[in-house]
Protein backbone atom coordinates (compact mmCIF):
# COMPACT_ATOMS: atom_id res chain seq x y z
CA MET A 1 58.45 134.08 108.03
CA ILE A 2 57.46 131.27 111.08
CA GLY A 3 56.63 133.28 114.18
CA ILE A 4 56.27 133.08 118.00
CA SER A 5 54.94 135.03 120.37
CA ALA A 6 56.25 134.72 123.63
CA ASP A 7 57.46 136.48 127.37
CA PHE A 8 60.43 133.37 127.45
CA ASP A 9 60.69 134.58 131.43
CA PRO A 10 63.37 132.56 131.14
CA VAL A 11 63.26 130.28 128.34
CA HIS A 12 63.36 126.31 129.32
CA LYS A 13 62.69 123.09 127.67
CA GLY A 14 58.85 123.75 126.68
CA HIS A 15 59.83 127.10 124.87
CA GLU A 16 63.25 125.35 123.00
CA LYS A 17 60.56 122.54 121.59
CA LEU A 18 58.72 125.52 120.22
CA ILE A 19 61.73 127.13 118.78
CA ALA A 20 62.83 123.53 117.08
CA LYS A 21 59.24 122.95 115.95
CA ALA A 22 59.39 126.42 114.10
CA ARG A 23 63.04 125.23 113.24
CA GLU A 24 62.13 122.40 111.44
CA ILE A 25 59.21 124.55 109.79
CA ALA A 26 61.42 127.16 108.41
CA ASP A 27 64.36 124.73 107.00
CA GLU A 28 61.54 122.89 105.08
CA LYS A 29 60.34 126.25 103.30
CA GLY A 30 63.65 127.91 103.21
CA ASP A 31 62.37 130.35 105.77
CA LYS A 32 63.34 132.39 109.00
CA VAL A 33 62.08 131.73 112.47
CA THR A 34 61.26 135.14 113.96
CA ILE A 35 60.37 136.04 117.80
CA TYR A 36 58.49 138.27 118.87
CA LEU A 37 59.13 138.83 122.11
CA ASN A 38 57.60 141.03 124.77
CA LYS A 39 59.69 143.49 126.46
CA GLY A 40 59.13 146.10 129.24
CA TYR A 41 55.85 144.44 130.85
CA SER A 42 54.61 140.91 130.08
CA ALA A 43 51.71 139.53 128.42
CA ASN A 44 50.31 139.07 132.11
CA HIS A 45 50.90 142.72 133.05
CA GLY A 46 53.74 142.15 135.15
CA PRO A 47 57.93 143.16 135.55
CA PHE A 48 59.89 140.61 133.85
CA PHE A 49 62.68 138.28 135.87
CA THR A 50 65.01 138.51 133.18
CA HIS A 51 66.29 141.06 131.15
CA TYR A 52 65.22 141.50 127.57
CA GLU A 53 68.82 141.41 126.42
CA ALA A 54 69.17 138.05 127.91
CA ARG A 55 65.96 136.24 126.72
CA LYS A 56 66.35 137.58 123.26
CA GLU A 57 70.12 135.75 123.60
CA MET A 58 68.16 132.67 125.01
CA ALA A 59 66.11 132.47 121.95
CA LEU A 60 68.84 132.97 119.67
CA LYS A 61 71.48 130.54 120.61
CA LEU A 62 68.21 127.81 120.04
CA GLY A 63 67.77 128.65 117.00
CA ALA A 64 65.63 131.36 116.20
CA ASP A 65 67.02 134.01 113.14
CA GLU A 66 65.36 137.23 114.66
CA VAL A 67 64.27 138.78 117.84
CA ILE A 68 61.47 141.23 117.61
CA PRO A 69 60.79 143.55 120.60
CA ILE A 70 57.05 143.84 121.80
CA GLU A 71 56.61 146.91 123.72
CA ARG A 72 54.54 149.83 125.67
CA LEU A 73 51.29 147.52 125.24
CA HIS A 74 51.38 145.21 128.26
CA HIS A 75 51.04 148.04 130.80
CA ARG A 76 48.19 150.08 128.82
CA LEU A 77 45.92 147.29 127.43
CA THR A 78 44.34 144.10 128.17
CA LEU A 79 44.67 140.81 126.15
CA SER A 80 41.79 141.47 124.39
CA TYR A 81 43.06 144.83 122.74
CA SER A 82 47.03 143.35 122.75
CA VAL A 83 46.59 140.10 120.86
CA PRO A 84 44.62 141.63 117.71
CA ILE A 85 47.61 144.45 118.13
CA ARG A 86 50.29 141.53 117.89
CA ILE A 87 48.80 139.17 115.69
CA ALA A 88 48.01 142.20 113.26
CA MET A 89 51.65 143.31 113.34
CA MET A 90 52.77 139.64 112.36
CA ILE A 91 50.85 139.21 109.42
CA GLU A 92 51.93 142.69 108.11
CA ASP A 93 55.51 141.59 108.71
CA GLY A 94 54.86 138.42 106.46
CA VAL A 95 54.69 135.80 109.08
CA LEU A 96 52.78 133.09 107.51
CA ASP A 97 53.44 130.06 109.82
CA TYR A 98 52.07 130.45 113.65
CA VAL A 99 54.00 127.80 116.59
CA ASP A 100 51.98 127.67 119.79
CA ALA A 101 51.72 124.73 122.41
CA ALA A 102 48.56 123.68 123.92
CA ASP A 103 46.89 120.39 126.03
CA VAL A 104 44.18 120.20 122.87
CA SER A 105 44.17 119.62 119.61
CA LYS A 106 44.01 122.66 116.71
CA THR A 107 40.57 120.88 115.86
CA GLU A 108 39.21 121.16 119.60
CA ILE A 109 40.70 125.31 119.61
CA LYS A 110 39.08 125.84 116.04
CA ASP A 111 36.09 124.59 117.64
CA TYR A 112 36.19 126.62 121.21
CA SER A 113 37.04 129.43 119.48
CA LYS A 114 34.26 129.73 117.03
CA LYS A 115 31.77 131.33 119.43
CA PHE A 116 33.91 134.27 119.67
CA VAL A 117 34.99 134.57 115.70
CA LYS A 118 31.52 134.97 115.52
CA GLN A 119 30.63 137.28 118.25
CA GLY A 120 33.89 139.35 117.33
CA ILE A 121 34.61 140.27 120.66
CA PHE A 122 37.57 138.33 122.72
CA VAL A 123 36.72 139.95 126.07
CA GLY A 124 35.94 137.67 129.18
CA ILE A 125 37.05 134.46 127.59
CA ASP A 126 36.14 131.80 130.25
CA ARG A 127 38.41 130.79 132.78
CA ASN A 128 37.92 127.50 132.82
CA LEU A 129 38.53 126.68 128.79
CA PRO A 130 41.39 124.83 128.09
CA ASN A 131 44.77 126.94 127.02
CA ARG A 132 42.23 129.77 126.60
CA ASN A 133 44.87 131.94 125.56
CA VAL A 134 45.63 129.76 122.40
CA ILE A 135 42.05 129.73 121.93
CA ARG A 136 42.08 133.62 122.38
CA TRP A 137 45.24 133.76 119.59
CA PHE A 138 43.30 131.47 117.37
CA ALA A 139 39.81 133.32 117.43
CA VAL A 140 41.70 136.77 116.71
CA ASN A 141 43.60 135.36 113.81
CA GLU A 142 40.39 134.42 112.26
CA PHE A 143 38.83 137.27 112.96
CA LEU A 144 41.70 139.55 111.07
CA LYS A 145 41.56 137.70 107.61
CA LYS A 146 39.02 139.86 106.64
CA LYS A 147 41.16 142.55 107.16
CA TYR A 148 43.97 141.09 105.48
CA ASN A 149 42.62 138.48 103.26
CA ARG A 150 45.06 136.29 104.74
CA ASN A 151 46.09 134.67 108.49
CA MET A 152 48.77 132.89 109.98
CA ASN A 153 48.70 128.77 109.94
CA PHE A 154 48.72 127.53 113.43
CA HIS A 155 50.94 124.83 114.21
CA ILE A 156 49.81 123.35 117.72
CA ILE A 157 52.65 121.24 119.66
CA PRO A 158 51.55 119.48 123.13
CA GLU A 159 52.68 121.17 126.23
CA LEU A 160 56.18 119.62 127.60
CA LYS A 161 55.45 118.40 130.56
CA VAL A 162 57.34 117.03 133.86
CA ASN A 163 55.54 114.60 136.31
CA GLU A 164 52.11 115.27 134.29
CA SER A 165 52.58 119.14 135.35
CA LYS A 166 53.64 121.25 132.28
CA ILE A 167 56.45 123.77 132.83
CA SER A 168 55.86 126.70 134.75
CA GLY A 169 57.94 129.64 134.12
CA ARG A 170 56.66 131.16 137.29
CA ASN A 171 57.89 128.49 139.13
CA ILE A 172 60.95 128.74 137.71
CA ARG A 173 61.63 132.06 138.84
CA SER A 174 59.95 131.17 142.21
CA SER A 175 62.88 128.60 142.94
CA ILE A 176 65.26 130.69 142.14
CA ILE A 177 64.61 133.69 144.26
CA GLN A 178 63.78 131.29 147.35
CA ASN A 179 67.49 129.77 146.68
CA ASP A 180 68.83 132.84 147.22
CA MET A 181 69.15 133.50 143.49
CA GLU A 182 70.77 130.30 142.66
CA ILE A 183 69.28 127.61 140.47
CA PRO A 184 68.39 124.75 142.23
CA GLU A 185 69.44 121.23 140.37
CA GLU A 186 65.86 120.27 139.90
CA ILE A 187 64.87 123.83 138.44
CA LYS A 188 68.38 122.81 135.91
CA ASP A 189 66.35 119.81 134.43
CA LEU A 190 63.84 121.84 133.07
CA LEU A 191 66.19 124.10 131.12
CA PRO A 192 68.08 123.91 128.32
CA LYS A 193 71.90 124.29 128.93
CA SER A 194 72.49 127.39 127.11
CA THR A 195 69.55 129.14 129.34
CA ILE A 196 71.20 128.39 132.42
CA LYS A 197 74.76 129.46 131.08
CA ILE A 198 72.75 132.85 130.07
CA LEU A 199 70.94 132.91 133.65
CA GLU A 200 73.85 132.50 135.97
CA LYS A 201 75.81 135.28 134.13
CA GLU A 202 72.72 137.80 134.69
CA ILE A 203 72.20 136.51 137.98
CA LYS A 204 76.36 137.14 138.98
CA LYS A 205 75.61 140.61 137.34
CA ASN A 206 72.68 141.29 139.73
CA ASN A 207 70.28 141.48 136.18
CA VAL A 208 67.69 139.50 137.09
CA ASP A 209 64.32 139.91 139.03
CA LYS A 210 64.42 144.04 138.89
CA LEU A 211 61.53 144.98 141.10
CA ARG A 212 58.87 147.55 140.62
CA ASN A 213 59.56 150.91 141.94
CA TRP A 214 57.62 150.49 145.22
CA LYS A 215 58.76 153.92 146.54
CA ASP A 216 56.68 155.19 143.56
CA ILE A 217 53.71 153.48 143.82
CA LEU A 218 53.15 153.74 147.64
CA HIS A 219 53.17 157.11 147.24
CA LYS A 220 51.11 157.19 144.70
CA LEU A 221 48.27 154.65 146.65
CA ASN A 222 49.37 156.98 149.86
CA SER A 223 48.68 160.43 148.57
CA TYR A 224 46.52 160.67 145.77
CA SER A 225 43.14 161.71 145.89
CA ARG A 226 39.79 159.98 144.97
CA SER A 227 39.55 161.75 141.56
CA ASP A 228 43.62 161.86 141.04
CA LEU A 229 43.00 157.91 141.25
CA MET A 230 40.32 158.08 138.87
CA LYS A 231 42.18 159.26 136.29
CA ILE A 232 44.40 156.59 136.55
CA ALA A 233 43.77 153.60 133.93
CA TYR A 234 42.18 150.65 135.48
CA LEU A 235 41.01 151.61 138.69
CA ASN A 236 37.70 151.33 139.34
CA GLY A 237 35.49 153.02 142.21
CA ASN A 238 35.63 150.48 144.74
CA VAL A 239 39.16 149.59 144.32
CA ILE A 240 39.74 153.23 144.55
CA ASN A 241 37.52 153.46 147.62
CA GLU A 242 39.48 150.27 149.29
CA ILE A 243 43.36 152.06 148.45
CA VAL A 244 41.89 155.47 150.62
CA LYS A 245 40.23 153.28 153.10
CA ARG A 246 43.31 151.21 153.78
CA ARG A 247 45.93 153.60 154.05
CA LYS A 248 48.77 153.89 154.82
CA HIS A 249 50.18 151.01 152.45
CA HIS A 250 53.56 149.78 152.93
CA ASP A 251 54.56 146.98 151.08
CA PHE A 252 53.31 145.04 147.91
CA LYS A 253 51.58 142.70 150.24
CA SER A 254 49.19 145.46 151.39
CA VAL A 255 48.58 146.46 148.01
CA TRP A 256 47.80 143.26 146.86
CA GLY A 257 45.33 142.64 149.96
CA THR A 258 43.60 145.96 148.93
CA PHE A 259 43.06 145.19 145.49
CA ARG A 260 41.91 141.33 146.63
CA ARG A 261 39.34 143.00 148.70
CA GLY A 262 38.41 145.26 145.82
CA ASP A 263 37.56 142.23 144.23
CA TYR A 264 40.45 142.22 141.39
CA GLY A 265 42.04 138.81 140.47
CA PRO A 266 45.78 138.91 139.78
CA VAL A 267 45.81 139.67 136.50
CA LEU A 268 43.90 142.73 136.59
CA THR A 269 45.86 143.86 139.34
CA ARG A 270 49.26 143.40 137.92
CA LEU A 271 47.96 145.70 135.40
CA ALA A 272 46.37 147.98 137.43
CA ILE A 273 49.92 148.30 139.68
CA SER A 274 51.91 148.81 136.28
CA SER A 275 49.23 151.91 135.22
CA ILE A 276 49.86 153.44 138.59
CA GLU A 277 53.81 152.90 138.34
CA GLU A 278 53.65 154.02 134.98
CA ASN A 279 51.27 156.85 135.46
CA VAL A 280 49.06 155.34 132.46
CA LYS A 281 46.21 157.76 132.22
CA ARG A 282 42.22 156.65 130.78
CA GLU A 283 42.95 159.27 127.85
CA GLU A 284 46.07 157.46 126.91
CA VAL A 285 44.60 153.86 126.97
CA VAL A 286 41.22 155.33 125.10
CA LYS A 287 43.60 156.95 122.46
CA LEU A 288 45.43 153.88 121.70
CA ILE A 289 42.26 151.73 121.12
CA ARG A 290 40.97 154.38 118.71
CA THR A 291 44.57 154.45 116.67
CA TYR A 292 43.86 150.98 115.85
CA GLU A 293 40.49 151.20 115.68
CA SER A 294 40.77 153.19 112.68
CA LYS A 295 43.30 150.62 111.50
CA GLY A 296 40.47 147.94 111.41
CA ILE A 297 42.90 146.14 113.92
CA VAL A 298 40.17 146.13 117.16
CA PRO A 299 37.22 144.16 116.68
CA PRO A 300 34.04 146.76 116.47
CA GLU A 301 32.52 144.93 119.13
CA GLN A 302 35.25 146.04 121.50
CA SER A 303 35.31 149.40 119.72
CA ILE A 304 35.38 152.47 122.59
CA ASP A 305 31.65 153.35 121.36
CA LYS A 306 30.66 149.85 121.93
CA VAL A 307 31.76 150.07 125.45
CA ILE A 308 30.06 153.40 125.87
CA GLY A 309 27.14 152.13 124.49
CA ARG A 310 26.79 149.19 126.50
CA ALA A 311 27.22 150.89 129.55
CA TRP A 312 23.87 153.55 128.43
CA TYR A 313 21.76 150.18 127.34
CA VAL A 314 22.88 148.21 130.08
CA ALA A 315 21.72 151.08 132.66
CA SER A 316 18.73 152.04 130.67
CA GLU A 317 17.50 148.48 131.01
CA ASN A 318 18.22 148.67 134.88
CA GLN A 319 15.41 151.21 134.82
CA LYS A 320 12.86 148.42 133.66
CA GLY A 321 13.92 146.31 136.36
CA ILE A 322 16.39 143.78 134.22
CA ASN A 323 19.06 142.96 135.80
CA ALA A 324 23.04 143.89 134.49
CA ALA A 325 23.69 140.22 133.51
CA VAL A 326 20.31 139.60 131.48
CA ALA A 327 20.86 143.15 130.04
CA ASN A 328 24.70 142.42 129.13
CA LYS A 329 23.60 139.42 127.22
CA SER A 330 21.07 140.84 125.42
CA PHE A 331 23.45 143.88 124.46
CA MET A 332 25.61 141.01 122.90
CA LYS A 333 22.96 139.18 121.22
CA ASN A 334 21.43 142.27 119.16
CA LYS A 335 25.02 143.12 118.19
CA GLY A 336 24.76 146.49 120.25
CA ASN A 337 22.02 148.10 117.94
CA ILE A 338 20.78 150.40 120.74
CA GLY A 339 19.95 153.51 118.92
CA ASP A 340 21.90 156.71 120.30
CA TYR A 341 23.12 157.57 123.80
CA PRO A 342 24.71 160.99 125.41
CA LEU A 343 28.13 162.01 125.56
CA LYS A 344 27.26 164.79 127.80
CA VAL A 345 24.85 164.82 130.79
CA THR A 346 24.42 167.79 133.43
CA ALA A 347 24.25 166.86 136.97
CA GLY A 348 22.73 169.48 139.82
CA LEU A 349 24.65 170.25 143.34
CA ASN A 350 23.82 170.17 147.06
CA LEU A 351 25.26 173.40 148.12
CA THR A 352 24.84 175.84 150.87
CA ASN A 353 24.25 179.39 150.57
CA PHE A 354 27.92 180.13 151.52
CA GLU A 355 29.48 177.90 149.53
CA THR A 356 27.16 179.20 146.72
CA GLU A 357 28.53 182.86 147.12
CA LYS A 358 32.04 181.46 147.38
CA ILE A 359 31.45 180.09 143.72
CA GLU A 360 29.50 183.03 142.39
CA LYS A 361 32.97 184.96 143.18
CA ASN A 362 35.52 182.61 141.49
CA ILE A 363 33.45 180.60 138.96
CA ASP A 364 35.97 181.13 136.08
CA GLU A 365 38.82 179.98 138.43
CA LEU A 366 37.50 176.94 139.97
CA LYS A 367 38.15 173.41 138.57
CA THR A 368 35.88 170.18 139.03
CA GLU A 369 36.71 166.72 139.35
CA LEU A 370 34.82 163.77 139.72
CA TYR A 371 35.19 160.94 142.95
CA ILE A 372 33.46 157.89 143.91
CA ASP A 373 32.78 158.84 147.97
CA THR A 374 32.94 156.39 150.57
CA ASN A 375 29.18 155.40 150.18
CA GLY A 376 29.83 154.47 146.84
CA LYS A 377 27.89 157.34 145.31
CA ILE A 378 28.99 159.87 142.38
CA ALA A 379 30.51 163.29 144.02
CA CYS A 380 32.24 166.16 142.52
CA GLN A 381 35.00 168.14 144.42
CA ILE A 382 35.15 171.88 143.19
CA LYS A 383 38.49 174.09 144.10
CA LYS A 384 40.62 176.66 143.87
CA GLY A 385 43.77 176.23 145.94
CA LYS A 386 43.45 175.49 149.44
CA PHE A 387 39.23 176.45 149.13
CA LYS A 388 37.19 172.85 148.48
CA ILE A 389 33.85 171.88 148.36
CA LYS A 390 32.48 168.46 147.85
CA SER A 391 28.81 167.79 146.93
CA LYS A 392 27.17 164.48 145.90
CA LEU A 393 25.32 164.96 142.56
CA LYS A 394 21.83 164.89 141.62
CA LEU A 395 21.09 162.72 138.31
CA PRO A 396 18.16 160.88 137.02
CA LYS A 397 18.69 157.19 138.22
CA ASN A 398 19.56 155.75 134.93
CA GLU A 399 22.02 158.35 134.23
CA VAL A 400 23.86 158.14 137.48
CA THR A 401 24.14 154.04 136.72
CA TYR A 402 25.53 154.73 133.42
CA LEU A 403 28.30 157.09 134.78
CA ARG A 404 28.94 154.57 137.24
CA TYR A 405 29.26 151.87 134.59
CA LEU A 406 31.53 154.14 132.48
CA ILE A 407 33.97 154.72 135.99
CA ASP A 408 33.96 151.05 135.98
CA SER A 409 35.05 150.27 132.61
CA HIS A 410 38.25 151.12 133.52
CA PHE A 411 39.65 153.41 130.63
CA ILE A 412 37.09 155.75 129.45
CA PRO A 413 37.52 159.25 130.86
CA ILE A 414 35.01 161.41 132.32
CA ARG A 415 35.56 164.96 132.34
CA SER A 416 33.34 167.98 134.36
CA LYS A 417 32.89 171.53 134.46
CA LEU A 418 31.25 173.69 136.60
CA ILE A 419 28.48 175.76 135.08
CA LYS A 420 25.73 178.18 135.82
CA LYS A 421 22.34 177.52 134.50
CA ASP A 422 18.83 179.00 135.10
CA LYS A 423 20.83 180.83 138.30
CA ASN A 424 21.75 177.73 139.57
CA PHE A 425 25.12 176.28 139.48
CA ARG A 426 25.59 172.48 137.68
CA ILE A 427 28.27 170.28 136.56
CA ASP A 428 28.94 169.46 132.81
CA ILE A 429 29.86 165.96 132.28
CA GLU A 430 31.60 164.47 129.22
CA ILE A 431 32.16 161.31 128.71
CA THR A 432 35.70 161.25 126.41
CA ASP A 433 35.78 163.08 123.17
CA LYS A 434 35.77 162.23 119.37
CA VAL A 435 34.40 158.67 119.83
CA ARG A 436 32.29 158.79 116.61
């Protein structure tokens, strides 16, 4: 099989060249061209402009033999996790040759990817690297060779450019929207005739530019408590405080502004909003990652153990006066050989006599939830119905830093339980479960 993995939203002339190259290789080998087409959410974690069935038809019209949907990944995982899963799927399906486009040669891509292959981690690839997504794919493909004893042969063609600029699907979509949902003539020049025909048909049926469920997203952002928001994947303490501080959110612009103030870039913002829309919980993400860990598809350096271990290591180094950036580099260099780390910690509470008495009477019925308060401190809410007590947690400094790193990891779940210990009430905090 000759494989291509793509969004194709919509299929433009650059994509046409990809399919043509795949068709050329397939005809030489007597093989077929298979498109692994993202469905539901794009690789950049946003909803599609063009419906899946229309994009599938566009690809088939240009010479693909079959189209396989890739779904349930891109609203739950970052590319550093979804790319290994997608490549493993292709290798297991029997894809031998993979076609992609880039501004740099295959030799240059191989050189750029060496560091990531050696480290065995595909998180945080420098934004300034040319064609960094192709580099990630190449590096992961090399990594998975150890598992499968084979990988895909990459064929890199030059990116198709018009007036020295590569064709942008985002610009194509924006131009159509801004032109009252008609395809401008200058955009038609960038599209194959078959794409134009299919796209015009979809526009006529009002089957394009399906918006997010903003009513539901805004309801959650305007009504969820800090502790409820903390259960959703890809929301860290800072952005949760920005969400609460800037209520009431009225439209998507106000939501984007809030995430920007929380230091989220466009890609992470789209992923976080998709997680809110689909109600993706941290436990769900961890369970999914664990599933692929057990199959040897997730790189060991990206495992749940390593995410938690890194948080403990950096927090411990912070106590020695070493800043987080230096500590993280040290962790990477030593491949995370840091010994043990706690999966449970116990925190104290600041309670009045009245609150202590109320808790004493209702201890078996009270629920506890952690959150980040307005001052950025880790706190706990203890409640039963309308009865609520809020208290900052009392913890050693390294455990506070450790928990905050895990909260800001975006997907590690942290559970809490009220207990009585030595005549005082405490909060038992559990960092996920069954990670070893």
